[in-house]
Amino acid sequence: MIDDIAGLRRVLKENHVIAVVGLSGNWYRPSYFAAKYMQEHGYRVIPVNPQYDEVLGEKCYKSLRDVPLKVDIVDCFRKTADIPSICDDAIAIGARVLWQQLGVKNFDTAKKAEAAGLDTVIDRCVKIEHGRLFGGLGWVGVNTKVISAKRPQWLPY
């Protein structure tokens, strides 16, 4: 399980296609603004939710197995009980990371994903971690303790 700054930074730096399982089409839902933030920071967001045809300008898929593109990160906005089947799908499609959002803590499934070669992140928000590690929190008044007028070189924009 990845739980350190270097590991989280590596995951977010090396992986740029994020399938968001449970992405809502409602702008006020956490999944929507997390995905929108990642999209605005150069990541390709693939919505996975059977309720929608399109979210954030991207075609929405009914399940992970329906996604025709190579997925790097499977970002889970689903309840903890749903994670085992999502993990099976993530393994089947060859994803590189199984990311369980804030409040989602299925440690047994994380062990299964790691045994299959996936990196795992538990109980963390991809948007919060990106902002914290790559300087995006400064825009909302959070002190990141980084004093610089230059943009970090590792950002995709």
N, C-alpha and C. Protein backbone atom coordinates (compact mmCIF):
# COMPACT_ATOMS: atom_id res chain seq x y z
N MET A 1 0.84 -1.18 0.00
CA MET A 1 0.00 0.00 0.00
C MET A 1 0.89 1.24 0.00
N ILE A 2 0.55 2.18 -0.85
CA ILE A 2 1.32 3.42 -0.94
C ILE A 2 0.71 4.43 0.02
N ASP A 3 1.54 4.90 0.95
CA ASP A 3 1.06 5.83 1.96
C ASP A 3 2.10 6.90 2.28
N ASP A 4 3.10 7.05 1.43
CA ASP A 4 4.13 8.04 1.68
C ASP A 4 4.17 9.06 0.53
N ILE A 5 4.77 10.19 0.79
CA ILE A 5 4.80 11.28 -0.19
C ILE A 5 5.47 10.84 -1.49
N ALA A 6 6.61 10.19 -1.38
CA ALA A 6 7.34 9.78 -2.60
C ALA A 6 6.50 8.82 -3.44
N GLY A 7 5.84 7.88 -2.81
CA GLY A 7 5.02 6.90 -3.53
C GLY A 7 3.82 7.55 -4.19
N LEU A 8 3.12 8.42 -3.46
CA LEU A 8 1.96 9.11 -4.02
C LEU A 8 2.37 10.02 -5.18
N ARG A 9 3.49 10.71 -5.01
CA ARG A 9 3.98 11.59 -6.08
C ARG A 9 4.31 10.76 -7.32
N ARG A 10 4.95 9.60 -7.13
CA ARG A 10 5.31 8.73 -8.26
C ARG A 10 4.06 8.26 -8.98
N VAL A 11 3.05 7.82 -8.23
CA VAL A 11 1.81 7.34 -8.85
C VAL A 11 1.15 8.43 -9.68
N LEU A 12 1.07 9.63 -9.14
CA LEU A 12 0.40 10.71 -9.86
C LEU A 12 1.23 11.27 -11.01
N LYS A 13 2.53 11.09 -10.94
CA LYS A 13 3.42 11.58 -12.00
C LYS A 13 3.49 10.61 -13.17
N GLU A 14 3.44 9.31 -12.90
CA GLU A 14 3.62 8.29 -13.93
C GLU A 14 2.33 7.81 -14.59
N ASN A 15 1.18 8.10 -14.00
CA ASN A 15 -0.10 7.58 -14.48
C ASN A 15 -1.02 8.73 -14.85
N HIS A 16 -1.51 8.74 -16.09
CA HIS A 16 -2.26 9.90 -16.57
C HIS A 16 -3.67 9.58 -17.09
N VAL A 17 -4.07 8.32 -17.07
CA VAL A 17 -5.42 7.96 -17.49
C VAL A 17 -6.14 7.39 -16.27
N ILE A 18 -7.19 8.09 -15.84
CA ILE A 18 -7.90 7.74 -14.62
C ILE A 18 -9.34 7.34 -14.95
N ALA A 19 -9.69 6.10 -14.65
CA ALA A 19 -11.09 5.67 -14.76
C ALA A 19 -11.72 5.91 -13.40
N VAL A 20 -12.73 6.78 -13.35
CA VAL A 20 -13.39 7.13 -12.09
C VAL A 20 -14.68 6.32 -11.99
N VAL A 21 -14.63 5.28 -11.16
CA VAL A 21 -15.78 4.41 -10.99
C VAL A 21 -16.74 5.06 -9.99
N GLY A 22 -17.96 5.32 -10.44
CA GLY A 22 -18.94 6.00 -9.60
C GLY A 22 -18.96 7.50 -9.82
N LEU A 23 -18.36 7.97 -10.92
CA LEU A 23 -18.34 9.41 -11.21
C LEU A 23 -19.77 9.89 -11.46
N SER A 24 -20.15 10.90 -10.70
CA SER A 24 -21.50 11.46 -10.82
C SER A 24 -21.50 12.57 -11.87
N GLY A 25 -22.63 12.75 -12.51
CA GLY A 25 -22.82 13.84 -13.46
C GLY A 25 -23.29 15.12 -12.77
N ASN A 26 -23.47 15.07 -11.46
CA ASN A 26 -23.92 16.23 -10.70
C ASN A 26 -22.71 17.04 -10.22
N TRP A 27 -22.66 18.31 -10.58
CA TRP A 27 -21.50 19.16 -10.32
C TRP A 27 -21.16 19.29 -8.83
N TYR A 28 -22.14 19.10 -7.95
CA TYR A 28 -21.93 19.30 -6.53
C TYR A 28 -21.43 18.04 -5.79
N ARG A 29 -21.27 16.95 -6.51
CA ARG A 29 -20.79 15.71 -5.89
C ARG A 29 -19.26 15.70 -5.86
N PRO A 30 -18.66 15.15 -4.80
CA PRO A 30 -17.19 15.10 -4.70
C PRO A 30 -16.52 14.41 -5.89
N SER A 31 -17.14 13.36 -6.41
CA SER A 31 -16.53 12.66 -7.55
C SER A 31 -16.42 13.58 -8.76
N TYR A 32 -17.41 14.44 -8.96
CA TYR A 32 -17.42 15.34 -10.10
C TYR A 32 -16.30 16.37 -10.00
N PHE A 33 -16.20 17.06 -8.84
CA PHE A 33 -15.17 18.10 -8.80
C PHE A 33 -13.77 17.54 -8.66
N ALA A 34 -13.62 16.33 -8.12
CA ALA A 34 -12.29 15.70 -8.10
C ALA A 34 -11.87 15.35 -9.53
N ALA A 35 -12.80 14.77 -10.31
CA ALA A 35 -12.49 14.41 -11.69
C ALA A 35 -12.25 15.65 -12.54
N LYS A 36 -13.04 16.68 -12.34
CA LYS A 36 -12.87 17.93 -13.10
C LYS A 36 -11.50 18.55 -12.80
N TYR A 37 -11.11 18.55 -11.54
CA TYR A 37 -9.79 19.07 -11.16
C TYR A 37 -8.68 18.30 -11.88
N MET A 38 -8.76 16.97 -11.86
CA MET A 38 -7.73 16.15 -12.49
C MET A 38 -7.70 16.38 -14.00
N GLN A 39 -8.88 16.52 -14.59
CA GLN A 39 -8.97 16.80 -16.02
C GLN A 39 -8.30 18.14 -16.35
N GLU A 40 -8.53 19.14 -15.52
CA GLU A 40 -7.95 20.46 -15.73
C GLU A 40 -6.44 20.48 -15.50
N HIS A 41 -5.92 19.44 -14.89
CA HIS A 41 -4.48 19.35 -14.64
C HIS A 41 -3.80 18.33 -15.56
N GLY A 42 -4.43 18.06 -16.70
CA GLY A 42 -3.77 17.28 -17.74
C GLY A 42 -4.02 15.79 -17.73
N TYR A 43 -4.87 15.30 -16.86
CA TYR A 43 -5.16 13.87 -16.80
C TYR A 43 -6.35 13.56 -17.70
N ARG A 44 -6.36 12.37 -18.25
CA ARG A 44 -7.51 11.90 -19.03
C ARG A 44 -8.44 11.19 -18.05
N VAL A 45 -9.65 11.67 -17.93
CA VAL A 45 -10.64 11.10 -17.02
C VAL A 45 -11.66 10.30 -17.82
N ILE A 46 -11.84 9.06 -17.42
CA ILE A 46 -12.82 8.17 -18.07
C ILE A 46 -13.91 7.86 -17.06
N PRO A 47 -15.12 8.36 -17.28
CA PRO A 47 -16.21 8.09 -16.35
C PRO A 47 -16.72 6.65 -16.47
N VAL A 48 -16.98 6.04 -15.31
CA VAL A 48 -17.56 4.70 -15.28
C VAL A 48 -18.77 4.75 -14.35
N ASN A 49 -19.95 4.77 -14.96
CA ASN A 49 -21.20 4.82 -14.21
C ASN A 49 -22.33 4.48 -15.18
N PRO A 50 -23.10 3.42 -14.90
CA PRO A 50 -24.16 3.01 -15.83
C PRO A 50 -25.32 4.00 -15.95
N GLN A 51 -25.36 5.02 -15.10
CA GLN A 51 -26.48 5.98 -15.13
C GLN A 51 -26.34 7.07 -16.18
N TYR A 52 -25.14 7.22 -16.75
CA TYR A 52 -24.90 8.35 -17.65
C TYR A 52 -24.33 7.89 -18.99
N ASP A 53 -24.57 8.71 -20.01
CA ASP A 53 -23.97 8.50 -21.32
C ASP A 53 -22.67 9.29 -21.45
N GLU A 54 -22.62 10.45 -20.76
CA GLU A 54 -21.46 11.33 -20.85
C GLU A 54 -21.34 12.14 -19.55
N VAL A 55 -20.10 12.31 -19.10
CA VAL A 55 -19.82 13.17 -17.94
C VAL A 55 -18.52 13.92 -18.24
N LEU A 56 -18.52 15.21 -17.97
CA LEU A 56 -17.34 16.06 -18.19
C LEU A 56 -16.82 16.00 -19.63
N GLY A 57 -17.75 15.83 -20.57
CA GLY A 57 -17.37 15.80 -21.98
C GLY A 57 -16.76 14.49 -22.43
N GLU A 58 -16.77 13.48 -21.59
CA GLU A 58 -16.21 12.17 -21.92
C GLU A 58 -17.32 11.12 -21.96
N LYS A 59 -17.20 10.18 -22.88
CA LYS A 59 -18.14 9.06 -22.94
C LYS A 59 -18.07 8.29 -21.63
N CYS A 60 -19.23 7.96 -21.09
CA CYS A 60 -19.32 7.25 -19.83
C CYS A 60 -19.56 5.76 -20.11
N TYR A 61 -18.83 4.90 -19.43
CA TYR A 61 -18.93 3.46 -19.63
C TYR A 61 -19.69 2.81 -18.48
N LYS A 62 -20.37 1.72 -18.80
CA LYS A 62 -21.18 1.03 -17.79
C LYS A 62 -20.32 0.27 -16.78
N SER A 63 -19.16 -0.22 -17.21
CA SER A 63 -18.26 -0.92 -16.30
C SER A 63 -16.82 -0.73 -16.76
N LEU A 64 -15.89 -1.06 -15.89
CA LEU A 64 -14.47 -0.95 -16.25
C LEU A 64 -14.12 -1.83 -17.45
N ARG A 65 -14.73 -2.99 -17.52
CA ARG A 65 -14.41 -3.92 -18.60
C ARG A 65 -14.87 -3.42 -19.97
N ASP A 66 -15.76 -2.42 -19.98
CA ASP A 66 -16.23 -1.84 -21.24
C ASP A 66 -15.30 -0.74 -21.78
N VAL A 67 -14.38 -0.28 -20.96
CA VAL A 67 -13.49 0.81 -21.36
C VAL A 67 -12.49 0.29 -22.39
N PRO A 68 -12.46 0.87 -23.61
CA PRO A 68 -11.58 0.37 -24.66
C PRO A 68 -10.13 0.89 -24.56
N LEU A 69 -9.89 1.86 -23.70
CA LEU A 69 -8.57 2.47 -23.56
C LEU A 69 -7.77 1.80 -22.44
N LYS A 70 -6.46 2.01 -22.47
CA LYS A 70 -5.60 1.54 -21.39
C LYS A 70 -5.80 2.47 -20.19
N VAL A 71 -6.13 1.89 -19.06
CA VAL A 71 -6.39 2.65 -17.83
C VAL A 71 -5.20 2.50 -16.89
N ASP A 72 -4.73 3.63 -16.37
CA ASP A 72 -3.63 3.60 -15.41
C ASP A 72 -4.15 3.49 -13.97
N ILE A 73 -5.04 4.41 -13.59
CA ILE A 73 -5.56 4.46 -12.23
C ILE A 73 -7.06 4.18 -12.24
N VAL A 74 -7.49 3.27 -11.37
CA VAL A 74 -8.92 3.05 -11.15
C VAL A 74 -9.24 3.74 -9.83
N ASP A 75 -9.95 4.86 -9.94
CA ASP A 75 -10.30 5.70 -8.79
C ASP A 75 -11.71 5.32 -8.35
N CYS A 76 -11.85 4.79 -7.13
CA CYS A 76 -13.11 4.21 -6.67
C CYS A 76 -13.93 5.15 -5.79
N PHE A 77 -14.99 5.69 -6.36
CA PHE A 77 -15.97 6.47 -5.60
C PHE A 77 -17.19 5.58 -5.34
N ARG A 78 -16.96 4.46 -4.73
CA ARG A 78 -18.02 3.50 -4.41
C ARG A 78 -17.84 3.08 -2.95
N LYS A 79 -18.88 2.46 -2.39
CA LYS A 79 -18.77 2.03 -1.00
C LYS A 79 -17.79 0.87 -0.87
N THR A 80 -17.29 0.69 0.32
CA THR A 80 -16.25 -0.31 0.59
C THR A 80 -16.68 -1.71 0.13
N ALA A 81 -17.94 -2.05 0.30
CA ALA A 81 -18.43 -3.39 -0.08
C ALA A 81 -18.34 -3.64 -1.58
N ASP A 82 -18.30 -2.59 -2.40
CA ASP A 82 -18.24 -2.74 -3.86
C ASP A 82 -16.81 -2.90 -4.39
N ILE A 83 -15.82 -2.69 -3.55
CA ILE A 83 -14.43 -2.66 -4.00
C ILE A 83 -13.93 -4.02 -4.53
N PRO A 84 -14.31 -5.18 -3.93
CA PRO A 84 -13.79 -6.44 -4.47
C PRO A 84 -14.10 -6.67 -5.96
N SER A 85 -15.31 -6.36 -6.39
CA SER A 85 -15.64 -6.57 -7.81
C SER A 85 -14.93 -5.54 -8.69
N ILE A 86 -14.76 -4.32 -8.19
CA ILE A 86 -14.01 -3.31 -8.94
C ILE A 86 -12.55 -3.74 -9.06
N CYS A 87 -12.01 -4.30 -8.00
CA CYS A 87 -10.63 -4.80 -8.03
C CYS A 87 -10.47 -5.89 -9.08
N ASP A 88 -11.42 -6.82 -9.13
CA ASP A 88 -11.36 -7.89 -10.14
C ASP A 88 -11.34 -7.30 -11.55
N ASP A 89 -12.17 -6.28 -11.77
CA ASP A 89 -12.21 -5.63 -13.08
C ASP A 89 -10.91 -4.89 -13.37
N ALA A 90 -10.36 -4.22 -12.36
CA ALA A 90 -9.10 -3.49 -12.53
C ALA A 90 -7.96 -4.44 -12.91
N ILE A 91 -7.93 -5.59 -12.27
CA ILE A 91 -6.92 -6.60 -12.59
C ILE A 91 -7.13 -7.11 -14.02
N ALA A 92 -8.39 -7.37 -14.37
CA ALA A 92 -8.71 -7.91 -15.70
C ALA A 92 -8.32 -6.96 -16.83
N ILE A 93 -8.46 -5.65 -16.62
CA ILE A 93 -8.16 -4.70 -17.70
C ILE A 93 -6.68 -4.26 -17.69
N GLY A 94 -5.92 -4.72 -16.72
CA GLY A 94 -4.50 -4.39 -16.68
C GLY A 94 -4.19 -3.01 -16.13
N ALA A 95 -5.03 -2.52 -15.23
CA ALA A 95 -4.77 -1.22 -14.61
C ALA A 95 -3.50 -1.30 -13.77
N ARG A 96 -2.93 -0.15 -13.48
CA ARG A 96 -1.67 -0.10 -12.72
C ARG A 96 -1.89 0.26 -11.25
N VAL A 97 -3.00 0.97 -10.95
CA VAL A 97 -3.24 1.44 -9.59
C VAL A 97 -4.72 1.28 -9.23
N LEU A 98 -4.98 0.78 -8.02
CA LEU A 98 -6.33 0.75 -7.47
C LEU A 98 -6.36 1.79 -6.36
N TRP A 99 -7.11 2.86 -6.57
CA TRP A 99 -7.14 4.00 -5.64
C TRP A 99 -8.50 4.03 -4.97
N GLN A 100 -8.53 3.83 -3.65
CA GLN A 100 -9.77 3.89 -2.88
C GLN A 100 -9.89 5.29 -2.25
N GLN A 101 -10.97 5.97 -2.56
CA GLN A 101 -11.17 7.35 -2.13
C GLN A 101 -11.35 7.48 -0.62
N LEU A 102 -11.42 8.71 -0.16
CA LEU A 102 -11.62 8.99 1.26
C LEU A 102 -12.82 8.21 1.80
N GLY A 103 -12.63 7.55 2.93
CA GLY A 103 -13.70 6.78 3.55
C GLY A 103 -13.82 5.36 3.04
N VAL A 104 -13.10 5.02 1.99
CA VAL A 104 -13.15 3.66 1.42
C VAL A 104 -11.91 2.91 1.89
N LYS A 105 -12.13 1.85 2.66
CA LYS A 105 -10.99 1.14 3.28
C LYS A 105 -11.19 -0.36 3.20
N ASN A 106 -10.87 -0.95 2.08
CA ASN A 106 -10.94 -2.40 1.94
C ASN A 106 -9.52 -2.95 1.83
N PHE A 107 -8.95 -3.30 2.97
CA PHE A 107 -7.55 -3.72 3.04
C PHE A 107 -7.33 -5.10 2.41
N ASP A 108 -8.30 -6.01 2.58
CA ASP A 108 -8.16 -7.34 1.98
C ASP A 108 -8.10 -7.25 0.46
N THR A 109 -8.95 -6.42 -0.11
CA THR A 109 -8.95 -6.24 -1.56
C THR A 109 -7.65 -5.57 -2.02
N ALA A 110 -7.13 -4.66 -1.22
CA ALA A 110 -5.86 -4.01 -1.56
C ALA A 110 -4.75 -5.05 -1.63
N LYS A 111 -4.75 -6.00 -0.71
CA LYS A 111 -3.75 -7.07 -0.73
C LYS A 111 -3.88 -7.92 -2.00
N LYS A 112 -5.12 -8.18 -2.38
CA LYS A 112 -5.36 -8.95 -3.61
C LYS A 112 -4.84 -8.18 -4.83
N ALA A 113 -5.10 -6.88 -4.88
CA ALA A 113 -4.63 -6.05 -5.99
C ALA A 113 -3.11 -6.02 -6.03
N GLU A 114 -2.48 -5.88 -4.88
CA GLU A 114 -1.02 -5.85 -4.83
C GLU A 114 -0.42 -7.18 -5.27
N ALA A 115 -1.07 -8.28 -4.89
CA ALA A 115 -0.60 -9.60 -5.32
C ALA A 115 -0.66 -9.74 -6.84
N ALA A 116 -1.60 -9.01 -7.46
CA ALA A 116 -1.74 -9.05 -8.92
C ALA A 116 -0.84 -8.01 -9.60
N GLY A 117 -0.06 -7.26 -8.81
CA GLY A 117 0.88 -6.31 -9.40
C GLY A 117 0.44 -4.86 -9.44
N LEU A 118 -0.71 -4.55 -8.86
CA LEU A 118 -1.19 -3.17 -8.86
C LEU A 118 -0.66 -2.44 -7.62
N ASP A 119 -0.38 -1.15 -7.78
CA ASP A 119 -0.15 -0.30 -6.63
C ASP A 119 -1.51 -0.01 -6.02
N THR A 120 -1.56 0.21 -4.71
CA THR A 120 -2.84 0.52 -4.07
C THR A 120 -2.70 1.74 -3.17
N VAL A 121 -3.76 2.53 -3.16
CA VAL A 121 -3.86 3.69 -2.28
C VAL A 121 -5.22 3.56 -1.60
N ILE A 122 -5.22 3.75 -0.28
CA ILE A 122 -6.45 3.58 0.50
C ILE A 122 -6.77 4.84 1.27
N ASP A 123 -8.06 5.21 1.26
CA ASP A 123 -8.59 6.29 2.08
C ASP A 123 -7.92 7.64 1.80
N ARG A 124 -7.70 7.94 0.53
CA ARG A 124 -7.12 9.22 0.12
C ARG A 124 -7.85 9.72 -1.13
N CYS A 125 -7.89 11.04 -1.27
CA CYS A 125 -8.52 11.65 -2.43
C CYS A 125 -7.45 12.03 -3.45
N VAL A 126 -7.63 11.61 -4.68
CA VAL A 126 -6.67 11.89 -5.74
C VAL A 126 -6.51 13.40 -5.96
N LYS A 127 -7.59 14.15 -5.85
CA LYS A 127 -7.55 15.60 -6.02
C LYS A 127 -6.77 16.26 -4.89
N ILE A 128 -7.05 15.88 -3.67
CA ILE A 128 -6.36 16.46 -2.51
C ILE A 128 -4.88 16.13 -2.56
N GLU A 129 -4.55 14.89 -2.88
CA GLU A 129 -3.14 14.49 -2.93
C GLU A 129 -2.40 15.21 -4.05
N HIS A 130 -3.04 15.36 -5.20
CA HIS A 130 -2.40 16.08 -6.30
C HIS A 130 -2.14 17.52 -5.89
N GLY A 131 -3.14 18.18 -5.32
CA GLY A 131 -2.97 19.56 -4.89
C GLY A 131 -1.91 19.71 -3.81
N ARG A 132 -1.88 18.77 -2.88
CA ARG A 132 -0.92 18.82 -1.79
C ARG A 132 0.51 18.60 -2.29
N LEU A 133 0.68 17.66 -3.20
CA LEU A 133 2.02 17.28 -3.63
C LEU A 133 2.57 18.10 -4.80
N PHE A 134 1.69 18.72 -5.57
CA PHE A 134 2.14 19.46 -6.74
C PHE A 134 1.80 20.94 -6.68
N GLY A 135 1.47 21.44 -5.50
CA GLY A 135 1.32 22.87 -5.30
C GLY A 135 -0.04 23.46 -5.59
N GLY A 136 -1.05 22.68 -5.88
CA GLY A 136 -2.36 23.21 -6.22
C GLY A 136 -3.14 23.76 -5.05
N LEU A 137 -2.75 23.44 -3.82
CA LEU A 137 -3.51 23.93 -2.67
C LEU A 137 -3.31 25.42 -2.43
N GLY A 138 -2.21 25.97 -2.90
CA GLY A 138 -1.95 27.38 -2.73
C GLY A 138 -3.03 28.26 -3.34
N TRP A 139 -3.71 27.76 -4.36
CA TRP A 139 -4.75 28.55 -5.04
C TRP A 139 -5.98 28.72 -4.16
N VAL A 140 -6.16 27.89 -3.15
CA VAL A 140 -7.33 28.01 -2.28
C VAL A 140 -6.94 28.50 -0.90
N GLY A 141 -5.75 29.08 -0.76
CA GLY A 141 -5.35 29.69 0.48
C GLY A 141 -4.70 28.76 1.49
N VAL A 142 -4.32 27.57 1.08
CA VAL A 142 -3.67 26.64 1.99
C VAL A 142 -2.16 26.85 1.90
N ASN A 143 -1.50 26.94 3.03
CA ASN A 143 -0.06 27.16 3.05
C ASN A 143 0.66 25.84 2.76
N THR A 144 1.30 25.75 1.60
CA THR A 144 2.04 24.54 1.23
C THR A 144 3.50 24.62 1.64
N LYS A 145 3.89 25.75 2.25
CA LYS A 145 5.27 25.97 2.71
C LYS A 145 6.27 25.95 1.56
N VAL A 146 5.81 26.27 0.35
CA VAL A 146 6.67 26.38 -0.81
C VAL A 146 6.61 27.83 -1.27
N ILE A 147 7.75 28.49 -1.25
CA ILE A 147 7.79 29.89 -1.68
C ILE A 147 8.52 29.93 -3.02
N SER A 148 7.77 30.18 -4.08
CA SER A 148 8.36 30.22 -5.40
C SER A 148 7.41 30.91 -6.36
N ALA A 149 7.96 31.64 -7.29
CA ALA A 149 7.16 32.26 -8.34
C ALA A 149 7.11 31.39 -9.58
N LYS A 150 7.84 30.28 -9.55
CA LYS A 150 7.90 29.39 -10.71
C LYS A 150 6.99 28.19 -10.51
N ARG A 151 6.36 27.76 -11.59
CA ARG A 151 5.57 26.54 -11.54
C ARG A 151 6.49 25.34 -11.43
N PRO A 152 6.08 24.33 -10.68
CA PRO A 152 6.89 23.12 -10.61
C PRO A 152 7.04 22.50 -12.00
N GLN A 153 8.20 21.99 -12.32
CA GLN A 153 8.48 21.45 -13.65
C GLN A 153 7.77 20.14 -13.93
N TRP A 154 7.31 19.43 -12.92
CA TRP A 154 6.72 18.12 -13.14
C TRP A 154 5.23 18.20 -13.51
N LEU A 155 4.63 19.40 -13.45
CA LEU A 155 3.23 19.52 -13.83
C LEU A 155 3.11 19.42 -15.35
N PRO A 156 2.01 18.83 -15.83
CA PRO A 156 1.86 18.61 -17.27
C PRO A 156 1.48 19.85 -18.08
N TYR A 157 1.31 21.00 -17.45
CA TYR A 157 0.94 22.21 -18.19
C TYR A 157 1.98 23.27 -18.14
